[in-house]
Protein backbone atom coordinates (compact mmCIF):
# COMPACT_ATOMS: atom_id res chain seq x y z
CA MET A 1 -9.01 -8.86 14.18
CA LYS A 2 -10.88 -5.14 14.96
CA ARG A 3 -11.62 -2.88 17.63
CA PHE A 4 -15.52 -2.93 18.81
CA ARG A 5 -15.21 0.21 20.95
CA ILE A 6 -19.08 0.99 20.79
CA ILE A 7 -19.54 4.99 19.96
CA ARG A 8 -22.14 6.74 22.34
CA LEU A 9 -24.31 3.08 22.90
CA GLY A 10 -23.97 1.22 25.63
CA LEU A 11 -24.14 -2.69 25.08
CA THR A 12 -27.22 -2.76 26.96
CA ALA A 13 -29.02 0.08 24.51
CA LEU A 14 -28.11 -2.46 21.47
CA ALA A 15 -31.11 -4.20 22.28
CA VAL A 16 -33.18 -1.82 21.65
CA LEU A 17 -32.50 -1.68 18.04
CA GLY A 18 -34.32 -5.33 17.64
CA VAL A 19 -33.70 -7.86 15.32
CA ALA A 20 -33.09 -7.20 11.77
CA GLY A 21 -33.05 -8.93 8.23
CA CYS A 22 -29.79 -11.32 7.45
CA SER A 23 -31.60 -14.12 8.96
CA LYS A 24 -33.11 -15.75 5.04
CA ILE A 25 -30.46 -16.25 2.27
CA GLN A 26 -31.32 -17.10 -1.16
CA PRO A 27 -30.19 -20.95 -1.59
CA ILE A 28 -28.91 -22.41 -4.90
CA HIS A 29 -31.01 -25.02 -4.72
CA ALA A 30 -33.46 -26.81 -2.19
CA PRO A 31 -31.61 -27.73 1.33
CA GLY A 32 -29.84 -31.00 1.55
CA GLY A 33 -29.70 -31.29 -2.17
CA GLY A 34 -26.65 -33.32 -3.58
CA SER A 35 -25.06 -33.09 -0.30
CA GLY A 36 -23.38 -36.67 -0.24
CA SER A 37 -22.59 -38.27 2.83
CA ALA A 38 -22.69 -34.74 4.43
CA ASP A 39 -25.78 -32.61 5.45
CA PHE A 40 -26.09 -28.73 5.05
CA ARG A 41 -29.48 -27.74 6.57
CA VAL A 42 -27.60 -26.01 9.57
CA ILE A 43 -24.25 -24.84 8.72
CA ALA A 44 -22.31 -22.69 11.38
CA ALA A 45 -19.07 -21.40 11.43
CA LEU A 46 -16.00 -20.95 14.01
CA GLY A 47 -13.36 -18.29 13.33
CA THR A 48 -11.54 -15.22 13.22
CA SER A 49 -12.05 -11.76 11.12
CA ILE A 50 -11.47 -13.70 7.91
CA SER A 51 -14.74 -15.61 8.64
CA ALA A 52 -16.56 -12.53 10.08
CA GLY A 53 -15.95 -10.75 6.78
CA VAL A 54 -14.04 -7.86 8.20
CA GLN A 55 -12.74 -5.71 5.36
CA SER A 56 -10.81 -2.61 5.18
CA GLY A 57 -10.83 -2.07 8.83
CA GLY A 58 -14.24 -3.18 9.86
CA LEU A 59 -17.34 -4.78 9.58
CA VAL A 60 -20.07 -3.74 7.51
CA VAL A 61 -23.31 -6.06 6.15
CA THR A 62 -22.24 -5.48 2.58
CA HIS A 63 -18.96 -7.31 3.26
CA GLN A 64 -20.15 -9.94 5.81
CA GLN A 65 -22.61 -11.21 3.35
CA LYS A 66 -19.75 -11.48 1.17
CA ALA A 67 -17.57 -13.84 3.68
CA PHE A 68 -17.18 -17.26 2.55
CA PRO A 69 -19.26 -19.05 5.44
CA TYR A 70 -22.32 -16.71 4.19
CA LEU A 71 -21.46 -17.65 0.50
CA PHE A 72 -21.07 -21.27 1.01
CA ALA A 73 -24.17 -21.37 2.64
CA ARG A 74 -25.89 -20.18 -0.08
CA GLN A 75 -24.07 -22.20 -2.38
CA ALA A 76 -25.26 -25.14 -0.07
CA GLY A 77 -28.67 -24.76 0.32
CA ALA A 78 -29.03 -23.64 3.67
CA ALA A 79 -32.04 -21.92 4.55
CA ALA A 80 -30.70 -19.53 7.24
CA PHE A 81 -27.22 -18.23 8.15
CA THR A 82 -27.62 -15.53 10.66
CA ILE A 83 -24.57 -12.94 11.03
CA PRO A 84 -24.08 -10.07 13.65
CA SER A 85 -25.20 -6.95 10.89
CA ILE A 86 -23.28 -3.89 11.25
CA SER A 87 -24.51 -0.76 9.36
CA ALA A 88 -23.17 1.80 7.32
CA ASP A 89 -20.17 2.93 7.60
CA GLY A 90 -19.23 -0.24 9.10
CA TYR A 91 -17.48 -0.80 12.56
CA PRO A 92 -14.91 0.94 12.66
CA PRO A 93 -15.61 3.29 9.92
CA LEU A 94 -14.07 1.27 6.86
CA LEU A 95 -11.09 2.74 5.14
CA ARG A 96 -11.26 4.21 1.83
CA LEU A 97 -9.11 5.99 -0.79
CA VAL A 98 -8.53 9.76 -0.38
CA SER A 99 -6.03 9.93 -3.41
CA LEU A 100 -4.78 7.74 -6.19
CA ALA A 101 -1.98 10.01 -6.78
CA PRO A 102 -0.41 10.14 -4.23
CA LEU A 103 -1.87 6.81 -2.99
CA VAL A 104 -3.58 8.31 0.31
CA ILE A 105 -5.86 6.26 2.50
CA SER A 106 -8.03 7.26 5.12
CA ASN A 107 -11.50 6.76 7.14
CA ALA A 108 -11.46 10.13 8.47
CA GLY A 109 -14.92 11.57 8.23
CA ARG A 110 -16.79 8.39 7.95
CA VAL A 111 -19.41 7.50 10.46
CA ALA A 112 -19.43 4.55 12.92
CA GLY A 113 -21.97 1.83 11.88
CA VAL A 114 -24.18 -0.03 14.70
CA PRO A 115 -25.14 -3.60 15.18
CA THR A 116 -28.87 -3.86 13.78
CA ASN A 117 -29.69 -7.67 15.01
CA PHE A 118 -28.04 -7.53 18.58
CA ALA A 119 -31.62 -8.28 20.18
CA GLN A 120 -31.61 -12.04 17.94
CA ALA A 121 -33.12 -14.10 20.23
CA THR A 122 -30.46 -17.22 18.91
CA ALA A 123 -26.82 -17.55 18.37
CA TYR A 124 -25.88 -15.96 15.03
CA HIS A 125 -24.77 -18.73 12.50
CA ASP A 126 -21.19 -16.80 11.65
CA MET A 127 -19.30 -17.03 14.97
CA GLY A 128 -16.23 -15.31 13.20
CA VAL A 129 -15.32 -13.14 16.02
CA PRO A 130 -12.67 -10.75 15.25
CA PHE A 131 -9.57 -11.11 17.79
CA ALA A 132 -10.59 -14.43 18.69
CA LEU A 133 -7.62 -16.94 19.42
CA LEU A 134 -7.79 -20.33 19.29
CA LEU A 135 -8.11 -21.04 23.51
CA ASP A 136 -11.12 -18.22 23.14
CA VAL A 137 -13.26 -20.65 21.41
CA ALA A 138 -14.21 -22.59 24.55
CA ASP A 139 -12.27 -20.46 27.28
CA SER A 140 -14.69 -17.29 27.74
CA THR A 141 -12.76 -16.13 30.71
CA ASN A 142 -10.10 -15.70 28.28
CA TYR A 143 -11.99 -12.22 26.27
CA TYR A 144 -14.38 -11.31 29.58
CA GLY A 145 -11.76 -10.10 32.19
CA GLY A 146 -9.64 -13.50 32.30
CA PRO A 147 -5.83 -13.51 32.98
CA LEU A 148 -4.35 -12.67 29.56
CA PRO A 149 -3.49 -8.97 28.87
CA ARG A 150 -6.43 -8.05 26.56
CA ASP A 151 -7.63 -4.49 25.23
CA PRO A 152 -10.98 -3.72 26.05
CA SER A 153 -11.75 -3.22 22.52
CA VAL A 154 -11.46 -7.33 22.43
CA TYR A 155 -14.02 -7.77 25.10
CA VAL A 156 -16.36 -5.28 23.46
CA ALA A 157 -15.60 -7.39 20.34
CA PHE A 158 -17.09 -10.65 21.91
CA ALA A 159 -19.83 -9.25 23.76
CA ALA A 160 -21.66 -7.42 20.66
CA ILE A 161 -21.24 -11.07 19.01
CA VAL A 162 -21.29 -13.91 21.62
CA ARG A 163 -23.32 -11.51 23.71
CA HIS A 164 -22.05 -13.11 27.32
CA ARG A 165 -24.28 -16.33 26.05
CA GLY A 166 -21.72 -18.63 26.97
CA THR A 167 -18.58 -19.72 24.41
CA MET A 168 -17.94 -19.47 20.99
CA LEU A 169 -18.27 -22.92 21.12
CA SER A 170 -21.37 -23.48 23.29
CA GLU A 171 -23.02 -20.84 20.69
CA VAL A 172 -22.11 -23.04 17.91
CA ALA A 173 -23.75 -26.31 19.58
CA SER A 174 -26.61 -24.35 20.79
CA LEU A 175 -27.81 -24.28 16.60
CA ASN A 176 -27.66 -28.19 16.71
CA PRO A 177 -25.59 -27.77 13.44
CA THR A 178 -25.03 -30.35 10.95
CA PHE A 179 -22.20 -28.82 9.18
CA VAL A 180 -19.48 -26.56 10.72
CA THR A 181 -16.42 -24.47 9.07
CA ILE A 182 -13.36 -23.91 11.50
CA GLU A 183 -10.73 -20.99 10.68
CA LEU A 184 -8.47 -20.57 13.03
CA GLY A 185 -5.16 -19.82 14.35
CA ALA A 186 -4.23 -17.07 11.83
CA ASN A 187 -4.39 -14.41 14.94
CA GLU A 188 -1.70 -16.15 16.85
CA VAL A 189 0.60 -15.26 14.32
CA LEU A 190 -0.81 -12.30 13.26
CA ALA A 191 -0.54 -10.94 16.63
CA ALA A 192 3.41 -11.40 16.45
CA ALA A 193 4.16 -10.09 13.30
CA THR A 194 1.80 -6.91 13.63
CA ARG A 195 3.93 -6.08 16.52
CA GLY A 196 7.07 -7.07 14.52
CA SER A 197 8.12 -9.93 16.50
CA GLY A 198 8.86 -13.51 15.28
CA ALA A 199 7.26 -14.85 18.69
CA ALA A 200 3.60 -16.41 18.21
CA VAL A 201 1.21 -16.26 20.82
CA LEU A 202 1.12 -20.24 20.88
CA ASP A 203 3.86 -22.71 19.85
CA GLY A 204 3.24 -25.56 18.09
CA PHE A 205 2.52 -27.95 20.64
CA THR A 206 0.30 -25.95 22.63
CA PHE A 207 -1.45 -24.92 19.47
CA SER A 208 -1.95 -28.71 18.91
CA LEU A 209 -3.07 -29.54 22.24
CA LEU A 210 -5.53 -26.31 22.48
CA LEU A 211 -7.02 -27.43 18.78
CA THR A 212 -7.47 -31.28 19.67
CA GLY A 213 -9.37 -30.15 22.74
CA ALA A 214 -11.41 -27.65 20.66
CA MET A 215 -12.57 -30.33 18.51
CA ASN A 216 -12.99 -32.81 21.04
CA GLY A 217 -15.87 -30.11 22.40
CA LEU A 218 -17.23 -30.08 19.12
CA ALA A 219 -17.61 -33.73 18.73
CA ALA A 220 -19.26 -33.99 21.87
CA ALA A 221 -21.54 -31.03 21.89
CA ALA A 222 -22.75 -31.97 17.68
CA PRO A 223 -21.84 -35.70 17.49
CA THR A 224 -23.00 -36.17 13.68
CA ALA A 225 -21.91 -32.60 12.12
CA LYS A 226 -19.84 -32.83 9.67
CA PHE A 227 -16.91 -30.07 9.17
CA ALA A 228 -14.70 -28.36 6.92
CA ILE A 229 -11.18 -26.85 8.35
CA LEU A 230 -9.24 -24.14 6.95
CA ASN A 231 -5.67 -24.06 7.66
CA VAL A 232 -3.66 -20.69 8.17
CA PRO A 233 -2.03 -18.58 5.86
CA ASP A 234 1.71 -17.43 5.73
CA VAL A 235 0.71 -13.69 7.31
CA THR A 236 4.58 -12.54 5.93
CA ALA A 237 3.11 -12.74 2.62
CA LEU A 238 0.10 -10.53 3.35
CA PRO A 239 0.30 -6.76 1.83
CA PHE A 240 0.61 -5.65 5.37
CA VAL A 241 4.05 -7.04 5.63
CA THR A 242 5.54 -6.71 1.93
CA THR A 243 4.36 -3.48 0.70
CA PHE A 244 6.87 -1.30 1.81
CA PRO A 245 10.26 -2.27 0.33
CA PRO A 246 13.53 -1.80 2.54
CA PHE A 247 15.54 0.28 -0.05
CA ILE A 248 15.69 4.18 -0.71
CA LEU A 249 14.59 4.75 -4.16
CA ASP A 250 15.12 7.33 -6.85
CA ALA A 251 12.74 9.22 -8.62
CA GLY A 252 12.18 6.78 -11.14
CA GLY A 253 11.52 4.09 -7.91
CA GLN A 254 14.66 2.04 -8.61
CA PRO A 255 16.58 1.19 -5.67
CA LEU A 256 19.77 3.65 -5.04
CA ARG A 257 22.88 1.36 -4.75
CA ARG A 258 26.07 1.75 -3.42
CA ASP A 259 29.71 1.91 -4.81
CA ASP A 260 29.70 -2.07 -5.09
CA GLY A 261 26.22 -2.23 -6.73
CA SER A 262 24.51 -3.25 -3.34
CA PRO A 263 20.73 -1.47 -2.78
CA ARG A 264 20.75 0.86 -0.19
CA THR A 265 18.62 0.20 2.71
CA LEU A 266 16.67 1.82 5.25
CA PHE A 267 17.68 2.70 8.44
CA GLY A 268 15.99 0.33 11.25
CA ASP A 269 17.06 -0.82 15.13
CA GLU A 270 16.72 -4.41 14.98
CA GLY A 271 20.22 -5.09 16.49
CA GLY A 272 19.39 -2.47 19.24
CA ALA A 273 21.36 -0.02 17.73
CA PRO A 274 20.65 2.03 14.36
CA ASP A 275 21.80 0.15 11.38
CA SER A 276 20.73 -0.27 7.94
CA LEU A 277 17.91 -3.12 7.03
CA ALA A 278 18.74 -6.34 5.59
CA PRO A 279 17.38 -6.14 1.84
CA ASN A 280 15.00 -9.19 2.78
CA ASP A 281 13.77 -7.38 6.00
CA PHE A 282 10.05 -5.90 5.99
CA ILE A 283 8.67 -2.51 6.74
CA LEU A 284 5.13 -2.77 8.25
CA LEU A 285 2.07 -0.81 6.96
CA THR A 286 2.21 0.74 10.61
CA ALA A 287 5.33 2.50 9.44
CA ALA A 288 3.74 4.70 7.00
CA ASP A 289 3.42 7.92 8.98
CA SER A 290 6.84 7.57 10.36
CA MET A 291 8.26 7.16 6.75
CA ALA A 292 5.99 10.18 5.32
CA ILE A 293 8.35 12.31 7.66
CA GLY A 294 11.90 10.97 6.87
CA VAL A 295 12.24 8.26 9.68
CA GLY A 296 14.14 5.37 8.21
CA PHE A 297 15.69 7.63 5.15
CA PRO A 298 19.32 8.72 5.81
CA VAL A 299 20.57 12.15 5.49
CA GLY A 300 20.51 13.26 2.09
CA THR A 301 17.70 11.34 0.85
CA ARG A 302 13.73 11.35 0.52
CA SER A 303 10.70 9.74 1.70
CA TYR A 304 9.52 7.27 -1.03
CA LEU A 305 6.30 7.83 0.12
CA THR A 306 6.23 11.91 0.73
CA GLY A 307 9.20 13.12 -0.89
CA ALA A 308 10.20 14.68 3.16
CA PRO A 309 13.70 14.48 3.28
CA GLY A 310 15.43 11.51 5.42
CA ASN A 311 16.03 12.59 9.19
CA GLY A 312 18.15 9.89 9.80
CA ARG A 313 16.61 8.42 12.64
CA PRO A 314 16.19 4.63 12.63
CA LEU A 315 12.79 2.90 12.51
CA PRO A 316 11.82 1.37 15.41
CA ASN A 317 11.71 -2.47 16.17
CA SER A 318 7.54 -2.62 16.10
CA LEU A 319 7.70 -1.23 12.81
CA VAL A 320 9.83 -3.56 11.15
CA LEU A 321 9.62 -7.70 10.59
CA SER A 322 13.10 -8.73 10.25
CA HIS A 323 13.77 -11.98 7.75
CA THR A 324 14.82 -14.19 10.95
CA GLU A 325 11.71 -12.84 12.32
CA ALA A 326 9.65 -13.53 9.38
CA ALA A 327 11.41 -17.23 8.88
CA SER A 328 10.34 -17.96 12.67
CA LEU A 329 6.78 -17.15 11.77
CA GLN A 330 6.88 -19.08 8.50
CA GLY A 331 8.37 -22.09 10.80
CA ILE A 332 5.41 -21.95 13.16
CA VAL A 333 2.66 -21.55 10.89
CA ALA A 334 4.06 -24.95 9.08
CA SER A 335 3.73 -26.27 12.37
CA TYR A 336 0.10 -25.40 12.84
CA ASN A 337 -0.80 -26.48 9.47
CA ARG A 338 0.49 -30.06 10.31
CA THR A 339 -1.66 -30.24 13.20
CA ILE A 340 -4.75 -29.01 11.11
CA ASP A 341 -4.25 -31.62 8.32
CA SER A 342 -3.57 -34.57 10.97
CA VAL A 343 -7.43 -32.88 12.22
CA ALA A 344 -8.76 -33.12 9.05
CA THR A 345 -7.79 -36.94 7.81
CA GLY A 346 -8.14 -38.34 11.57
CA ARG A 347 -11.60 -36.78 12.17
CA GLY A 348 -12.95 -37.52 8.40
CA GLY A 349 -13.17 -33.72 7.98
CA ALA A 350 -12.50 -31.48 4.63
CA LEU A 351 -9.18 -29.68 4.44
CA VAL A 352 -9.52 -26.16 3.00
CA ASP A 353 -6.39 -24.87 1.79
CA LEU A 354 -6.55 -21.26 2.52
CA TYR A 355 -2.53 -21.30 2.60
CA THR A 356 -2.12 -22.22 -0.90
CA LEU A 357 -4.57 -20.01 -2.28
CA PHE A 358 -2.99 -16.61 -0.42
CA ARG A 359 0.51 -18.26 -1.53
CA THR A 360 -0.30 -18.37 -4.93
CA ALA A 361 -1.85 -14.99 -5.05
CA ALA A 362 1.67 -13.67 -3.54
CA THR A 363 3.95 -15.47 -6.17
CA THR A 364 2.37 -16.48 -9.69
CA GLY A 365 -0.81 -14.79 -9.16
CA ILE A 366 -4.49 -15.97 -9.83
CA PRO A 367 -5.98 -15.61 -13.01
CA TYR A 368 -9.67 -14.60 -13.39
CA GLN A 369 -11.40 -13.74 -16.56
CA GLY A 370 -8.08 -12.57 -18.45
CA THR A 371 -6.68 -10.64 -15.82
CA VAL A 372 -4.15 -12.20 -13.10
CA TYR A 373 -4.73 -11.00 -9.55
CA THR A 374 -2.05 -10.79 -6.82
CA SER A 375 -1.77 -9.90 -3.41
CA ASP A 376 -0.16 -6.48 -4.35
CA PHE A 377 -1.78 -3.77 -2.07
CA VAL A 378 -4.55 -2.20 -4.16
CA THR A 379 -3.33 -2.63 -7.54
CA GLY A 380 -3.71 -6.51 -6.91
CA GLY A 381 -7.28 -6.79 -6.10
CA LEU A 382 -7.54 -9.45 -3.71
CA PHE A 383 -6.90 -7.53 -0.38
CA SER A 384 -9.10 -5.09 1.29
CA LEU A 385 -7.67 -1.41 2.12
CA ASP A 386 -6.05 -2.57 5.64
CA GLY A 387 -3.73 -4.88 3.69
CA VAL A 388 -4.43 -7.92 5.60
CA HIS A 389 -8.40 -8.79 4.92
CA PRO A 390 -9.26 -10.48 1.88
CA ASN A 391 -11.67 -8.52 -0.56
CA ASP A 392 -15.13 -9.79 -1.67
CA LEU A 393 -13.34 -11.32 -4.87
CA ALA A 394 -10.83 -13.08 -2.74
CA GLN A 395 -13.54 -14.25 -0.46
CA GLY A 396 -15.34 -15.64 -3.43
CA MET A 397 -12.27 -17.66 -4.55
CA LEU A 398 -11.72 -18.90 -1.29
CA THR A 399 -15.48 -20.10 -1.18
CA ASN A 400 -14.62 -22.29 -4.22
CA VAL A 401 -11.94 -23.79 -2.45
CA LEU A 402 -14.08 -24.75 0.28
CA ILE A 403 -16.66 -26.03 -2.09
CA ASP A 404 -14.09 -27.99 -4.15
CA ALA A 405 -12.53 -29.52 -0.65
CA VAL A 406 -16.24 -30.29 0.40
CA ASN A 407 -17.53 -32.07 -2.75
CA ALA A 408 -14.40 -34.07 -2.83
CA LYS A 409 -14.75 -35.26 0.46
CA PHE A 410 -18.22 -35.86 0.97
CA GLY A 411 -19.57 -36.72 -2.54
CA ALA A 412 -21.58 -33.76 -2.53
CA SER A 413 -22.33 -31.65 -5.50
CA VAL A 414 -22.42 -27.91 -4.25
CA PRO A 415 -22.34 -25.73 -7.44
CA ARG A 416 -19.04 -22.97 -7.62
CA LEU A 417 -19.73 -19.70 -6.85
CA ASP A 418 -19.57 -17.15 -9.78
CA LEU A 419 -17.05 -15.01 -9.16
CA ALA A 420 -18.57 -11.93 -11.12
CA THR A 421 -21.49 -11.89 -8.46
CA VAL A 422 -18.96 -11.26 -5.55
CA ALA A 423 -16.47 -8.73 -7.51
CA SER A 424 -18.10 -5.86 -5.83
CA ALA A 425 -17.30 -1.91 -6.86
CA SER A 426 -14.59 -1.60 -4.70
CA SER A 427 -10.74 -2.99 -4.67
CA SER A 428 -11.46 -5.85 -6.31
CA ARG A 429 -12.60 -3.88 -9.62
CA LEU A 430 -9.23 -2.25 -9.88
CA ARG A 431 -7.36 -3.77 -12.19
CA PRO A 432 -4.17 -5.22 -11.42
CA VAL A 433 -1.10 -3.17 -12.92
CA SER A 434 1.66 -4.62 -14.65
CA GLY A 435 4.56 -3.16 -15.34
CA GLU A 436 4.31 0.44 -13.51
CA GLY A 437 5.75 -0.68 -10.11
CA ARG A 438 4.51 -1.32 -6.62
CA ALA A 439 1.88 0.92 -5.17
CA LEU A 440 3.12 3.05 -1.87
CA PRO A 441 0.33 4.00 0.05
CA TRP A 442 0.38 6.34 2.98
CA VAL A 443 -2.47 5.21 5.28
CA ARG A 444 -2.65 8.52 7.34
CA ASP A 445 -2.75 8.52 10.98
CA ALA A 446 -1.38 4.84 10.66
CA GLU A 447 -0.32 3.75 14.32
CA SER A 448 -4.00 4.75 15.58
CA VAL A 449 -6.03 3.04 12.63
CA TYR A 450 -3.70 -0.26 13.26
CA ALA A 451 -3.69 0.07 16.91
CA ARG A 452 -7.69 -0.20 16.94
CA MET A 453 -7.41 -3.19 14.12
CA PHE A 454 -4.53 -5.12 16.30
CA PRO A 455 -5.12 -4.02 19.53
CA TRP A 456 -2.45 -6.52 20.96
CA ARG A 457 0.05 -4.21 19.75
CA ARG A 458 -0.19 -1.76 22.61
CA LEU A 459 0.12 -4.83 25.40
CA PRO A 460 3.01 -7.35 25.94
CA MET A 461 2.44 -10.62 24.05
CA PRO A 462 0.22 -13.22 26.04
């Protein structure tokens, strides 16, 4: 789900960088040990930016090596697991905290990283590709200038990882994998949510047809490989959607009230004309720059991001996800997940419950070493600074969910990951704050930042 416009380097020039490290990992035990009815000698991943290890708006090797497929391969004893490694400061350059009070986030001043093993002779084991849709798995025309209105940055993302060597599926098949992790479907609903829309790229029926086709293709290409498949998270529970309250807040961070006691809400144009938002509507992180100058706030009130006076202009529909649109996306996610559950059951795969992991983070929180981690932006400690992608600690938690599912399904004994080894010195080290209210970030140049992260926001929906 990221923009990969290579700066000052043509794709052909990338080959001179040669093949760098990341082909070897340090397995916990000898390959094949404790595998039960599975075989972990050659592990490959089919997926999106979650599988790729995208964090804080970009790819960088330090986080790519904390992505759940990489961590799982290490725990399971695979001798090799290659990734499309990107040097610091990542591509695009990762977001960083500029200020804590006020909470300001930016990637200004950071230098773009570059691929370091573009010339690798074989396919990467991690074929997690940012922007990937389910229909991209077995049809390269969709991302190499096909009929869908895809942004040029999508083409470059696939060209840098799939490298015009076929399709995502054929690249995985070329490795002769013995075990495959599959994580697909999130972009179909995220594409809609980031545009303030309730219309996903694929309806439930079409998703079912395409997933069945992709699984048939995998079974034909790697007939003996076992697999684990992740279900789709509720994108309406991500910090990108839930961080900004629709209420006008007073100086103490409490909602202002009308005479009848109901909270006053910001202005939007969800109904085609300026009107107050509903208390259960969602304002997206892309609205940060607009809210910073008073858009959405009635005259006589002030922006809770910057204190700027409200100008009475409504937030555009693209920056707001209404509660009815959110409900539509939740229903589509449920339909996708019924299909994924059926595929896992019918084809003998392990079902990995990413949905429940993220849902738990958004509701009760997840306890670890005396702290309850949540999906709250920055202070919750589980999501990176883009408000969409899990950080290292959350990737580690997902790895353990995967390990538990694989062990239960195949009678394996893959050791669980010690989460202390992945709780990196990033947002996962910020202890969650209790009783101090929600962190309200200003992502500087938000429209531009998220246009790079979600290029489909600029185009008609497929």
